[in-house]
Amino acid sequence: MLDLMAGFVHTQALRALIEFRVLDILMDGPAVLDDLATTTQVPPDRLRVALNAAVALGLLRLKNDSYDVTRRGAALTGVPGLADMIRHHDVLYRDLADPAAFFRGETETELARFWPYVFGAGAADDPDTAQRYSQLMTDSQTLIAEETLEALSLADAKHLMDVGGGTGAFLRHALKVTPNLTATLFDLPAVVATAESAFRKAGLSDRVTIRPGSFRDEVLPVEADTISLIRVLYDHADETVARLLKNVYDALPSSGRIIISEPMTGGDRPTKAGDAYFAVYTLAMNTGRTRSAVEISQALAMAGFAQIEVPATNRPFVTSVVTAQKI
């Protein structure tokens, strides 16, 4: 019980360490409390509480009065966009301030306003909101791409279309690891606005076509033998997901493949990442829900897909993968 009560406090202590850049400082070597307090300009007695919380979390170690970063803490500093994701979760914490009202569905959540793109093209017209969304998704997408493409191969694919692909982070990784692949990026106009420069900087412009559009309102282009949906389904309600999967099915040629990669629940074996975190997060968004691999497989079958597979990923708490073919 005490572990559960300490969870929120530990998370906020972690955010404090990120704001103070303590993990970055300790990447250069161990430091004593007084030196860290001087560098961060935090009173030593108060900083000690945050540091010891990080020790309890396994992010730091304390030895001979010196704090040092652990392998786990060092890994945290190396994940692109993770610090921004942790900062962003203050929004979720505010939404959960009254948990009884939240789970009754009586809370007007901030997350629903932060992610307006899920309601269609018109809801993402605000450039500032679209930019915040795009940057957050881009920064965290690299790890998703790595996990997904370690779980499956694109060697047989000729043209990959990433639907709802944001600024193209997944496609850039896919193109880099699959030399003969060409690609299409399909997402809302306000979201893909910065994608062209990102592909140009990566030297991939000649291998990708950017098509602005909304899969909620338009038929998908018929030009790819493989279509990916990376962290897309869990943003949307079942009816939208069913229409999207049918849209993908119609856009694919015979033997074409669909790739779905996103966090998933454990189904009848609930998991911490899928059921205790992502399911609550999507509930706060007021639109979608986190599904199990079994539920996604069933939705694919209803859309007409066959040869449905669930390849294992190295870190299912980051993402899980389901693939299928159009027969």
C-alpha atoms as a PDB file:
ATOM      1  CA  MET A   1       0.000   0.000   0.000  1.00  0.00           C
ATOM      2  CA  LEU A   2       2.802   2.408   0.868  1.00  0.00           C
ATOM      3  CA  ASP A   3       4.409   1.744  -2.536  1.00  0.00           C
ATOM      4  CA  LEU A   4       1.193   2.867  -4.237  1.00  0.00           C
ATOM      5  CA  MET A   5       0.985   6.005  -2.097  1.00  0.00           C
ATOM      6  CA  ALA A   6       4.601   6.885  -2.885  1.00  0.00           C
ATOM      7  CA  GLY A   7       4.228   6.494  -6.636  1.00  0.00           C
ATOM      8  CA  PHE A   8       2.943   9.992  -7.394  1.00  0.00           C
ATOM      9  CA  VAL A   9       5.498  11.660  -5.096  1.00  0.00           C
ATOM     10  CA  HIS A  10       8.329   9.728  -6.719  1.00  0.00           C
ATOM     11  CA  THR A  11       7.158  10.784 -10.175  1.00  0.00           C
ATOM     12  CA  GLN A  12       7.109  14.451  -9.196  1.00  0.00           C
ATOM     13  CA  ALA A  13      10.558  14.083  -7.640  1.00  0.00           C
ATOM     14  CA  LEU A  14      11.747  12.721 -10.968  1.00  0.00           C
ATOM     15  CA  ARG A  15      10.350  15.744 -12.749  1.00  0.00           C
ATOM     16  CA  ALA A  16      12.211  17.988 -10.298  1.00  0.00           C
ATOM     17  CA  LEU A  17      15.467  16.207 -11.138  1.00  0.00           C
ATOM     18  CA  ILE A  18      14.797  16.765 -14.835  1.00  0.00           C
ATOM     19  CA  GLU A  19      14.124  20.470 -14.272  1.00  0.00           C
ATOM     20  CA  PHE A  20      17.326  20.749 -12.201  1.00  0.00           C
ATOM     21  CA  ARG A  21      19.239  18.716 -14.852  1.00  0.00           C
ATOM     22  CA  VAL A  22      20.643  16.503 -12.073  1.00  0.00           C
ATOM     23  CA  LEU A  23      20.775  13.377 -14.241  1.00  0.00           C
ATOM     24  CA  ASP A  24      22.680  15.252 -16.951  1.00  0.00           C
ATOM     25  CA  ILE A  25      25.100  16.648 -14.380  1.00  0.00           C
ATOM     26  CA  LEU A  26      25.780  13.212 -12.908  1.00  0.00           C
ATOM     27  CA  MET A  27      26.479  11.769 -16.353  1.00  0.00           C
ATOM     28  CA  ASP A  28      29.875  13.528 -15.969  1.00  0.00           C
ATOM     29  CA  GLY A  29      30.554  11.669 -12.728  1.00  0.00           C
ATOM     30  CA  PRO A  30      29.450  11.346  -9.072  1.00  0.00           C
ATOM     31  CA  ALA A  31      28.833  14.468  -6.966  1.00  0.00           C
ATOM     32  CA  VAL A  32      28.179  15.203  -3.314  1.00  0.00           C
ATOM     33  CA  LEU A  33      25.000  16.876  -2.105  1.00  0.00           C
ATOM     34  CA  ASP A  34      26.532  20.300  -1.422  1.00  0.00           C
ATOM     35  CA  ASP A  35      28.008  20.543  -4.928  1.00  0.00           C
ATOM     36  CA  LEU A  36      24.702  19.548  -6.511  1.00  0.00           C
ATOM     37  CA  ALA A  37      22.875  22.067  -4.335  1.00  0.00           C
ATOM     38  CA  THR A  38      25.231  24.829  -5.463  1.00  0.00           C
ATOM     39  CA  THR A  39      24.854  23.915  -9.122  1.00  0.00           C
ATOM     40  CA  THR A  40      21.070  23.576  -9.031  1.00  0.00           C
ATOM     41  CA  GLN A  41      20.537  26.450  -6.540  1.00  0.00           C
ATOM     42  CA  VAL A  42      18.259  24.239  -4.435  1.00  0.00           C
ATOM     43  CA  PRO A  43      18.606  24.199  -0.623  1.00  0.00           C
ATOM     44  CA  PRO A  44      20.594  21.063   0.327  1.00  0.00           C
ATOM     45  CA  ASP A  45      18.054  19.719   2.809  1.00  0.00           C
ATOM     46  CA  ARG A  46      15.279  19.951   0.217  1.00  0.00           C
ATOM     47  CA  LEU A  47      17.393  18.633  -2.661  1.00  0.00           C
ATOM     48  CA  ARG A  48      18.367  15.617  -0.540  1.00  0.00           C
ATOM     49  CA  VAL A  49      14.705  14.550  -0.419  1.00  0.00           C
ATOM     50  CA  ALA A  50      14.425  14.617  -4.230  1.00  0.00           C
ATOM     51  CA  LEU A  51      17.747  12.814  -4.671  1.00  0.00           C
ATOM     52  CA  ASN A  52      16.851  10.077  -2.208  1.00  0.00           C
ATOM     53  CA  ALA A  53      13.519   9.600  -3.960  1.00  0.00           C
ATOM     54  CA  ALA A  54      15.501   9.057  -7.176  1.00  0.00           C
ATOM     55  CA  VAL A  55      17.662   6.511  -5.338  1.00  0.00           C
ATOM     56  CA  ALA A  56      14.485   4.697  -4.276  1.00  0.00           C
ATOM     57  CA  LEU A  57      13.355   4.709  -7.917  1.00  0.00           C
ATOM     58  CA  GLY A  58      16.645   3.156  -9.007  1.00  0.00           C
ATOM     59  CA  LEU A  59      17.691   6.206 -11.048  1.00  0.00           C
ATOM     60  CA  LEU A  60      20.531   7.197  -8.718  1.00  0.00           C
ATOM     61  CA  ARG A  61      22.804   5.405  -6.255  1.00  0.00           C
ATOM     62  CA  LEU A  62      24.266   6.794  -3.039  1.00  0.00           C
ATOM     63  CA  LYS A  63      27.715   5.663  -1.968  1.00  0.00           C
ATOM     64  CA  ASN A  64      30.224   7.343   0.341  1.00  0.00           C
ATOM     65  CA  ASP A  65      28.056  10.493   0.507  1.00  0.00           C
ATOM     66  CA  SER A  66      28.158  10.858  -3.296  1.00  0.00           C
ATOM     67  CA  TYR A  67      25.288  10.514  -5.719  1.00  0.00           C
ATOM     68  CA  ASP A  68      25.828   8.755  -9.026  1.00  0.00           C
ATOM     69  CA  VAL A  69      23.548   7.906 -11.926  1.00  0.00           C
ATOM     70  CA  THR A  70      22.566   4.254 -12.399  1.00  0.00           C
ATOM     71  CA  ARG A  71      22.279   2.445 -15.709  1.00  0.00           C
ATOM     72  CA  ARG A  72      18.522   2.954 -15.498  1.00  0.00           C
ATOM     73  CA  GLY A  73      18.943   6.680 -14.935  1.00  0.00           C
ATOM     74  CA  ALA A  74      21.454   6.959 -17.770  1.00  0.00           C
ATOM     75  CA  ALA A  75      19.016   5.168 -20.077  1.00  0.00           C
ATOM     76  CA  LEU A  76      16.336   7.689 -19.132  1.00  0.00           C
ATOM     77  CA  THR A  77      18.519  10.583 -20.268  1.00  0.00           C
ATOM     78  CA  GLY A  78      19.108   8.885 -23.614  1.00  0.00           C
ATOM     79  CA  VAL A  79      15.467   8.452 -24.649  1.00  0.00           C
ATOM     80  CA  PRO A  80      14.509  11.223 -27.097  1.00  0.00           C
ATOM     81  CA  GLY A  81      11.609  13.327 -25.858  1.00  0.00           C
ATOM     82  CA  LEU A  82      11.173  11.463 -22.561  1.00  0.00           C
ATOM     83  CA  ALA A  83      11.842  14.545 -20.445  1.00  0.00           C
ATOM     84  CA  ASP A  84       9.184  16.477 -22.346  1.00  0.00           C
ATOM     85  CA  MET A  85       6.741  13.587 -21.941  1.00  0.00           C
ATOM     86  CA  ILE A  86       7.299  13.617 -18.177  1.00  0.00           C
ATOM     87  CA  ARG A  87       6.746  17.391 -18.048  1.00  0.00           C
ATOM     88  CA  HIS A  88       3.616  16.990 -20.155  1.00  0.00           C
ATOM     89  CA  HIS A  89       2.098  14.592 -17.646  1.00  0.00           C
ATOM     90  CA  ASP A  90       1.246  17.404 -15.286  1.00  0.00           C
ATOM     91  CA  VAL A  91      -1.804  17.701 -17.538  1.00  0.00           C
ATOM     92  CA  LEU A  92      -2.847  14.136 -16.716  1.00  0.00           C
ATOM     93  CA  TYR A  93      -2.216  14.656 -13.008  1.00  0.00           C
ATOM     94  CA  ARG A  94      -4.529  17.662 -13.002  1.00  0.00           C
ATOM     95  CA  ASP A  95      -7.177  15.627 -14.795  1.00  0.00           C
ATOM     96  CA  LEU A  96      -6.897  12.992 -12.048  1.00  0.00           C
ATOM     97  CA  ALA A  97      -7.103  15.497  -9.182  1.00  0.00           C
ATOM     98  CA  ASP A  98     -10.656  14.287  -8.475  1.00  0.00           C
ATOM     99  CA  PRO A  99     -10.385  10.591  -9.350  1.00  0.00           C
ATOM    100  CA  ALA A 100     -13.996   9.802  -8.439  1.00  0.00           C
ATOM    101  CA  ALA A 101     -15.303  12.445 -10.858  1.00  0.00           C
ATOM    102  CA  PHE A 102     -12.747  11.369 -13.472  1.00  0.00           C
ATOM    103  CA  PHE A 103     -13.829   7.733 -13.521  1.00  0.00           C
ATOM    104  CA  ARG A 104     -17.501   8.718 -13.503  1.00  0.00           C
ATOM    105  CA  GLY A 105     -16.814  10.739 -16.666  1.00  0.00           C
ATOM    106  CA  GLU A 106     -17.673  14.051 -15.022  1.00  0.00           C
ATOM    107  CA  THR A 107     -14.285  15.745 -15.564  1.00  0.00           C
ATOM    108  CA  GLU A 108     -13.677  18.127 -18.471  1.00  0.00           C
ATOM    109  CA  THR A 109     -10.118  16.976 -19.052  1.00  0.00           C
ATOM    110  CA  GLU A 110      -7.202  19.087 -20.232  1.00  0.00           C
ATOM    111  CA  LEU A 111      -5.903  16.176 -22.298  1.00  0.00           C
ATOM    112  CA  ALA A 112      -9.015  16.323 -24.469  1.00  0.00           C
ATOM    113  CA  ARG A 113      -8.105  19.916 -25.328  1.00  0.00           C
ATOM    114  CA  PHE A 114      -4.419  19.090 -25.799  1.00  0.00           C
ATOM    115  CA  TRP A 115      -5.102  16.433 -28.446  1.00  0.00           C
ATOM    116  CA  PRO A 116      -7.873  18.004 -30.602  1.00  0.00           C
ATOM    117  CA  TYR A 117      -6.518  16.382 -33.783  1.00  0.00           C
ATOM    118  CA  VAL A 118      -8.355  13.170 -32.948  1.00  0.00           C
ATOM    119  CA  PHE A 119     -11.652  14.865 -33.758  1.00  0.00           C
ATOM    120  CA  GLY A 120     -10.673  15.466 -37.391  1.00  0.00           C
ATOM    121  CA  ALA A 121      -8.930  17.981 -39.623  1.00  0.00           C
ATOM    122  CA  GLY A 122     -10.893  21.002 -38.447  1.00  0.00           C
ATOM    123  CA  ALA A 123      -9.946  20.433 -34.825  1.00  0.00           C
ATOM    124  CA  ALA A 124      -6.226  20.701 -35.568  1.00  0.00           C
ATOM    125  CA  ASP A 125      -6.289  24.040 -37.370  1.00  0.00           C
ATOM    126  CA  ASP A 126      -4.615  25.894 -34.507  1.00  0.00           C
ATOM    127  CA  PRO A 127      -0.890  26.028 -35.452  1.00  0.00           C
ATOM    128  CA  ASP A 128       0.370  26.302 -31.865  1.00  0.00           C
ATOM    129  CA  THR A 129      -1.563  23.248 -30.697  1.00  0.00           C
ATOM    130  CA  ALA A 130      -0.562  21.286 -33.789  1.00  0.00           C
ATOM    131  CA  GLN A 131       3.089  22.200 -33.234  1.00  0.00           C
ATOM    132  CA  ARG A 132       3.023  21.108 -29.587  1.00  0.00           C
ATOM    133  CA  TYR A 133       1.442  17.806 -30.585  1.00  0.00           C
ATOM    134  CA  SER A 134       3.833  17.242 -33.492  1.00  0.00           C
ATOM    135  CA  GLN A 135       6.951  17.970 -31.450  1.00  0.00           C
ATOM    136  CA  LEU A 136       5.883  15.714 -28.602  1.00  0.00           C
ATOM    137  CA  MET A 137       5.066  12.883 -30.984  1.00  0.00           C
ATOM    138  CA  THR A 138       8.263  13.331 -33.029  1.00  0.00           C
ATOM    139  CA  ASP A 139      10.516  13.327 -29.976  1.00  0.00           C
ATOM    140  CA  SER A 140       9.084  10.072 -28.664  1.00  0.00           C
ATOM    141  CA  GLN A 141       8.561   8.300 -31.986  1.00  0.00           C
ATOM    142  CA  THR A 142      12.178   7.202 -32.508  1.00  0.00           C
ATOM    143  CA  LEU A 143      12.000   4.573 -29.778  1.00  0.00           C
ATOM    144  CA  ILE A 144       8.658   3.323 -31.132  1.00  0.00           C
ATOM    145  CA  ALA A 145      10.157   3.023 -34.615  1.00  0.00           C
ATOM    146  CA  GLU A 146      13.174   1.095 -33.359  1.00  0.00           C
ATOM    147  CA  GLU A 147      11.041  -1.345 -31.365  1.00  0.00           C
ATOM    148  CA  THR A 148       8.611  -1.885 -34.243  1.00  0.00           C
ATOM    149  CA  LEU A 149      11.218  -2.489 -36.918  1.00  0.00           C
ATOM    150  CA  GLU A 150      13.203  -4.827 -34.685  1.00  0.00           C
ATOM    151  CA  ALA A 151      10.038  -6.924 -34.350  1.00  0.00           C
ATOM    152  CA  LEU A 152       9.344  -7.168 -38.084  1.00  0.00           C
ATOM    153  CA  SER A 153      11.065  -6.738 -41.432  1.00  0.00           C
ATOM    154  CA  LEU A 154      10.146  -4.435 -44.307  1.00  0.00           C
ATOM    155  CA  ALA A 155      12.452  -6.270 -46.715  1.00  0.00           C
ATOM    156  CA  ASP A 156       9.535  -7.408 -48.901  1.00  0.00           C
ATOM    157  CA  ALA A 157       7.821  -4.004 -48.909  1.00  0.00           C
ATOM    158  CA  LYS A 158       8.165  -1.712 -51.907  1.00  0.00           C
ATOM    159  CA  HIS A 159       6.112   1.285 -50.830  1.00  0.00           C
ATOM    160  CA  LEU A 160       5.106   2.094 -47.246  1.00  0.00           C
ATOM    161  CA  MET A 161       2.359   4.590 -46.404  1.00  0.00           C
ATOM    162  CA  ASP A 162       2.291   5.789 -42.809  1.00  0.00           C
ATOM    163  CA  VAL A 163      -1.230   6.986 -41.987  1.00  0.00           C
ATOM    164  CA  GLY A 164      -1.419   9.474 -39.130  1.00  0.00           C
ATOM    165  CA  GLY A 165       2.375   9.670 -39.287  1.00  0.00           C
ATOM    166  CA  GLY A 166       2.828  13.193 -37.931  1.00  0.00           C
ATOM    167  CA  THR A 167       6.075  14.769 -39.066  1.00  0.00           C
ATOM    168  CA  GLY A 168       7.361  11.434 -40.404  1.00  0.00           C
ATOM    169  CA  ALA A 169       9.621  10.180 -37.619  1.00  0.00           C
ATOM    170  CA  PHE A 170       8.613   6.541 -38.164  1.00  0.00           C
ATOM    171  CA  LEU A 171       8.993   6.786 -41.936  1.00  0.00           C
ATOM    172  CA  ARG A 172      12.435   8.354 -41.680  1.00  0.00           C
ATOM    173  CA  HIS A 173      13.624   5.453 -39.553  1.00  0.00           C
ATOM    174  CA  ALA A 174      11.978   2.914 -41.875  1.00  0.00           C
ATOM    175  CA  LEU A 175      13.607   4.468 -44.952  1.00  0.00           C
ATOM    176  CA  LYS A 176      17.021   4.510 -43.298  1.00  0.00           C
ATOM    177  CA  VAL A 177      16.930   0.810 -42.403  1.00  0.00           C
ATOM    178  CA  THR A 178      15.292  -0.303 -45.679  1.00  0.00           C
ATOM    179  CA  PRO A 179      17.348   1.120 -48.582  1.00  0.00           C
ATOM    180  CA  ASN A 180      15.026   0.263 -51.508  1.00  0.00           C
ATOM    181  CA  LEU A 181      11.826   1.409 -49.815  1.00  0.00           C
ATOM    182  CA  THR A 182       9.783   4.416 -50.937  1.00  0.00           C
ATOM    183  CA  ALA A 183       7.091   5.993 -48.814  1.00  0.00           C
ATOM    184  CA  THR A 184       4.042   8.220 -48.422  1.00  0.00           C
ATOM    185  CA  LEU A 185       3.231  10.281 -45.335  1.00  0.00           C
ATOM    186  CA  PHE A 186      -0.504  10.877 -44.799  1.00  0.00           C
ATOM    187  CA  ASP A 187      -1.732  13.107 -41.988  1.00  0.00           C
ATOM    188  CA  LEU A 188      -3.591  16.334 -41.254  1.00  0.00           C
ATOM    189  CA  PRO A 189      -2.333  19.448 -43.090  1.00  0.00           C
ATOM    190  CA  ALA A 190      -1.491  21.310 -39.870  1.00  0.00           C
ATOM    191  CA  VAL A 191       0.454  18.292 -38.573  1.00  0.00           C
ATOM    192  CA  VAL A 192       2.583  17.515 -41.650  1.00  0.00           C
ATOM    193  CA  ALA A 193       3.477  21.166 -42.243  1.00  0.00           C
ATOM    194  CA  THR A 194       7.043  20.682 -40.985  1.00  0.00           C
ATOM    195  CA  ALA A 195       7.578  17.190 -42.404  1.00  0.00           C
ATOM    196  CA  GLU A 196       9.075  18.284 -45.731  1.00  0.00           C
ATOM    197  CA  SER A 197      12.030  20.072 -44.127  1.00  0.00           C
ATOM    198  CA  ALA A 198      12.616  17.115 -41.786  1.00  0.00           C
ATOM    199  CA  PHE A 199      12.861  14.674 -44.718  1.00  0.00           C
ATOM    200  CA  ARG A 200      15.070  17.112 -46.612  1.00  0.00           C
ATOM    201  CA  LYS A 201      17.481  17.424 -43.677  1.00  0.00           C
ATOM    202  CA  ALA A 202      17.605  13.629 -43.470  1.00  0.00           C
ATOM    203  CA  GLY A 203      18.400  13.380 -47.197  1.00  0.00           C
ATOM    204  CA  LEU A 204      15.227  11.378 -47.865  1.00  0.00           C
ATOM    205  CA  SER A 205      13.058  13.831 -49.815  1.00  0.00           C
ATOM    206  CA  ASP A 206      13.397  11.930 -53.090  1.00  0.00           C
ATOM    207  CA  ARG A 207      11.965   8.758 -51.503  1.00  0.00           C
ATOM    208  CA  VAL A 208       8.848  10.165 -49.861  1.00  0.00           C
ATOM    209  CA  THR A 209       5.596  11.817 -50.915  1.00  0.00           C
ATOM    210  CA  ILE A 210       3.682  13.945 -48.424  1.00  0.00           C
ATOM    211  CA  ARG A 211      -0.102  13.841 -48.783  1.00  0.00           C
ATOM    212  CA  PRO A 212      -2.060  16.075 -46.388  1.00  0.00           C
ATOM    213  CA  GLY A 213      -5.465  14.696 -45.498  1.00  0.00           C
ATOM    214  CA  SER A 214      -7.767  13.233 -42.854  1.00  0.00           C
ATOM    215  CA  PHE A 215      -8.465   9.510 -42.772  1.00  0.00           C
ATOM    216  CA  ARG A 216     -11.722  10.350 -40.991  1.00  0.00           C
ATOM    217  CA  ASP A 217     -12.971  12.362 -43.958  1.00  0.00           C
ATOM    218  CA  GLU A 218     -11.153  11.034 -47.039  1.00  0.00           C
ATOM    219  CA  VAL A 219     -10.383   7.826 -48.905  1.00  0.00           C
ATOM    220  CA  LEU A 220      -6.738   6.806 -48.522  1.00  0.00           C
ATOM    221  CA  PRO A 221      -4.444   7.023 -51.564  1.00  0.00           C
ATOM    222  CA  VAL A 222      -4.022   3.738 -53.443  1.00  0.00           C
ATOM    223  CA  GLU A 223      -0.271   3.584 -53.887  1.00  0.00           C
ATOM    224  CA  ALA A 224       1.270   1.429 -51.141  1.00  0.00           C
ATOM    225  CA  ASP A 225       1.710  -2.297 -50.639  1.00  0.00           C
ATOM    226  CA  THR A 226       2.242  -1.753 -46.903  1.00  0.00           C
ATOM    227  CA  ILE A 227       0.359   0.656 -44.617  1.00  0.00           C
ATOM    228  CA  SER A 228       1.405   1.454 -41.064  1.00  0.00           C
ATOM    229  CA  LEU A 229      -0.675   2.841 -38.216  1.00  0.00           C
ATOM    230  CA  ILE A 230       1.749   3.886 -35.500  1.00  0.00           C
ATOM    231  CA  ARG A 231       0.068   4.957 -32.253  1.00  0.00           C
ATOM    232  CA  VAL A 232      -3.148   5.736 -34.114  1.00  0.00           C
ATOM    233  CA  LEU A 233      -5.883   3.286 -33.093  1.00  0.00           C
ATOM    234  CA  TYR A 234      -5.757   3.998 -29.362  1.00  0.00           C
ATOM    235  CA  ASP A 235      -6.543   7.650 -30.043  1.00  0.00           C
ATOM    236  CA  HIS A 236      -9.942   6.796 -31.497  1.00  0.00           C
ATOM    237  CA  ALA A 237     -13.307   5.235 -30.694  1.00  0.00           C
ATOM    238  CA  ASP A 238     -14.247   1.773 -31.938  1.00  0.00           C
ATOM    239  CA  GLU A 239     -16.446   3.133 -34.761  1.00  0.00           C
ATOM    240  CA  THR A 240     -13.610   5.306 -36.102  1.00  0.00           C
ATOM    241  CA  VAL A 241     -11.154   2.409 -35.841  1.00  0.00           C
ATOM    242  CA  ALA A 242     -13.504   0.106 -37.768  1.00  0.00           C
ATOM    243  CA  ARG A 243     -13.874   2.669 -40.573  1.00  0.00           C
ATOM    244  CA  LEU A 244     -10.134   3.305 -40.670  1.00  0.00           C
ATOM    245  CA  LEU A 245      -9.241  -0.383 -40.927  1.00  0.00           C
ATOM    246  CA  LYS A 246     -11.768  -0.826 -43.749  1.00  0.00           C
ATOM    247  CA  ASN A 247     -10.274   2.260 -45.428  1.00  0.00           C
ATOM    248  CA  VAL A 248      -6.805   0.711 -45.160  1.00  0.00           C
ATOM    249  CA  TYR A 249      -8.093  -2.629 -46.482  1.00  0.00           C
ATOM    250  CA  ASP A 250      -9.608  -0.943 -49.538  1.00  0.00           C
ATOM    251  CA  ALA A 251      -6.404   1.007 -50.232  1.00  0.00           C
ATOM    252  CA  LEU A 252      -4.127  -2.041 -50.164  1.00  0.00           C
ATOM    253  CA  PRO A 253      -3.534  -4.396 -53.103  1.00  0.00           C
ATOM    254  CA  SER A 254      -4.001  -8.146 -52.796  1.00  0.00           C
ATOM    255  CA  SER A 255      -1.344  -9.518 -50.398  1.00  0.00           C
ATOM    256  CA  GLY A 256      -0.780  -6.011 -49.032  1.00  0.00           C
ATOM    257  CA  ARG A 257       0.172  -5.745 -45.377  1.00  0.00           C
ATOM    258  CA  ILE A 258      -1.003  -3.590 -42.490  1.00  0.00           C
ATOM    259  CA  ILE A 259       1.254  -2.838 -39.516  1.00  0.00           C
ATOM    260  CA  ILE A 260      -0.207  -1.620 -36.240  1.00  0.00           C
ATOM    261  CA  SER A 261       2.164  -0.528 -33.490  1.00  0.00           C
ATOM    262  CA  GLU A 262       1.099   1.112 -30.251  1.00  0.00           C
ATOM    263  CA  PRO A 263       0.889   0.441 -26.506  1.00  0.00           C
ATOM    264  CA  MET A 264      -1.676  -2.273 -25.792  1.00  0.00           C
ATOM    265  CA  THR A 265      -3.400  -3.635 -22.722  1.00  0.00           C
ATOM    266  CA  GLY A 266      -2.820  -7.145 -21.475  1.00  0.00           C
ATOM    267  CA  GLY A 267      -6.402  -8.228 -22.136  1.00  0.00           C
ATOM    268  CA  ASP A 268      -7.341 -10.847 -19.561  1.00  0.00           C
ATOM    269  CA  ARG A 269      -3.834 -10.470 -18.059  1.00  0.00           C
ATOM    270  CA  PRO A 270      -3.629  -6.724 -17.243  1.00  0.00           C
ATOM    271  CA  THR A 271      -0.223  -5.056 -17.341  1.00  0.00           C
ATOM    272  CA  LYS A 272       1.159  -2.000 -15.550  1.00  0.00           C
ATOM    273  CA  ALA A 273       2.023  -0.108 -18.731  1.00  0.00           C
ATOM    274  CA  GLY A 274      -1.062  -1.008 -20.738  1.00  0.00           C
ATOM    275  CA  ASP A 275      -3.801  -1.137 -18.108  1.00  0.00           C
ATOM    276  CA  ALA A 276      -2.558   1.058 -15.255  1.00  0.00           C
ATOM    277  CA  TYR A 277      -1.111   3.798 -17.439  1.00  0.00           C
ATOM    278  CA  PHE A 278      -2.068   3.938 -21.123  1.00  0.00           C
ATOM    279  CA  ALA A 279      -5.681   2.888 -20.538  1.00  0.00           C
ATOM    280  CA  VAL A 280      -6.109   5.728 -18.035  1.00  0.00           C
ATOM    281  CA  TYR A 281      -4.338   8.190 -20.326  1.00  0.00           C
ATOM    282  CA  THR A 282      -6.601   7.460 -23.282  1.00  0.00           C
ATOM    283  CA  LEU A 283      -9.607   7.617 -20.970  1.00  0.00           C
ATOM    284  CA  ALA A 284      -8.559  11.176 -20.126  1.00  0.00           C
ATOM    285  CA  MET A 285      -8.408  12.020 -23.822  1.00  0.00           C
ATOM    286  CA  ASN A 286     -12.166  11.356 -23.980  1.00  0.00           C
ATOM    287  CA  THR A 287     -11.960   9.805 -27.440  1.00  0.00           C
ATOM    288  CA  GLY A 288     -10.128   6.529 -27.788  1.00  0.00           C
ATOM    289  CA  ARG A 289      -9.114   3.616 -25.633  1.00  0.00           C
ATOM    290  CA  THR A 290      -6.163   1.309 -25.235  1.00  0.00           C
ATOM    291  CA  ARG A 291      -6.936  -2.131 -26.673  1.00  0.00           C
ATOM    292  CA  SER A 292      -5.388  -5.559 -26.328  1.00  0.00           C
ATOM    293  CA  ALA A 293      -3.697  -7.367 -29.194  1.00  0.00           C
ATOM    294  CA  VAL A 294      -6.661  -9.755 -29.230  1.00  0.00           C
ATOM    295  CA  GLU A 295      -9.162  -6.897 -29.660  1.00  0.00           C
ATOM    296  CA  ILE A 296      -7.093  -5.374 -32.462  1.00  0.00           C
ATOM    297  CA  SER A 297      -6.808  -8.759 -34.152  1.00  0.00           C
ATOM    298  CA  GLN A 298     -10.579  -9.160 -34.001  1.00  0.00           C
ATOM    299  CA  ALA A 299     -11.082  -5.696 -35.512  1.00  0.00           C
ATOM    300  CA  LEU A 300      -8.669  -6.571 -38.328  1.00  0.00           C
ATOM    301  CA  ALA A 301     -10.576  -9.780 -39.055  1.00  0.00           C
ATOM    302  CA  MET A 302     -13.854  -7.838 -39.160  1.00  0.00           C
ATOM    303  CA  ALA A 303     -12.302  -5.513 -41.753  1.00  0.00           C
ATOM    304  CA  GLY A 304     -11.420  -8.503 -43.937  1.00  0.00           C
ATOM    305  CA  PHE A 305      -7.764  -9.069 -43.063  1.00  0.00           C
ATOM    306  CA  ALA A 306      -6.221 -12.508 -42.625  1.00  0.00           C
ATOM    307  CA  GLN A 307      -2.863 -14.009 -41.579  1.00  0.00           C
ATOM    308  CA  ILE A 308      -2.982 -11.907 -38.422  1.00  0.00           C
ATOM    309  CA  GLU A 309       0.200 -12.113 -36.345  1.00  0.00           C
ATOM    310  CA  VAL A 310       1.461 -10.583 -33.095  1.00  0.00           C
ATOM    311  CA  PRO A 311       5.272 -10.499 -33.303  1.00  0.00           C
ATOM    312  CA  ALA A 312       7.009 -10.076 -29.956  1.00  0.00           C
ATOM    313  CA  THR A 313       8.708  -6.781 -29.155  1.00  0.00           C
ATOM    314  CA  ASN A 314      11.696  -6.391 -26.858  1.00  0.00           C
ATOM    315  CA  ARG A 315       9.922  -3.794 -24.724  1.00  0.00           C
ATOM    316  CA  PRO A 316       6.144  -4.249 -24.807  1.00  0.00           C
ATOM    317  CA  PHE A 317       5.801  -1.412 -22.286  1.00  0.00           C
ATOM    318  CA  VAL A 318       6.954   0.857 -25.147  1.00  0.00           C
ATOM    319  CA  THR A 319       4.879  -0.669 -27.928  1.00  0.00           C
ATOM    320  CA  SER A 320       3.298  -3.881 -29.176  1.00  0.00           C
ATOM    321  CA  VAL A 321       2.783  -4.894 -32.804  1.00  0.00           C
ATOM    322  CA  VAL A 322       0.024  -6.602 -34.793  1.00  0.00           C
ATOM    323  CA  THR A 323       0.303  -7.313 -38.522  1.00  0.00           C
ATOM    324  CA  ALA A 324      -2.123  -8.726 -41.085  1.00  0.00           C
ATOM    325  CA  GLN A 325      -2.532  -9.263 -44.829  1.00  0.00           C
ATOM    326  CA  LYS A 326      -5.213  -8.535 -47.363  1.00  0.00           C
ATOM    327  CA  ILE A 327      -5.979 -11.807 -49.126  1.00  0.00           C
END
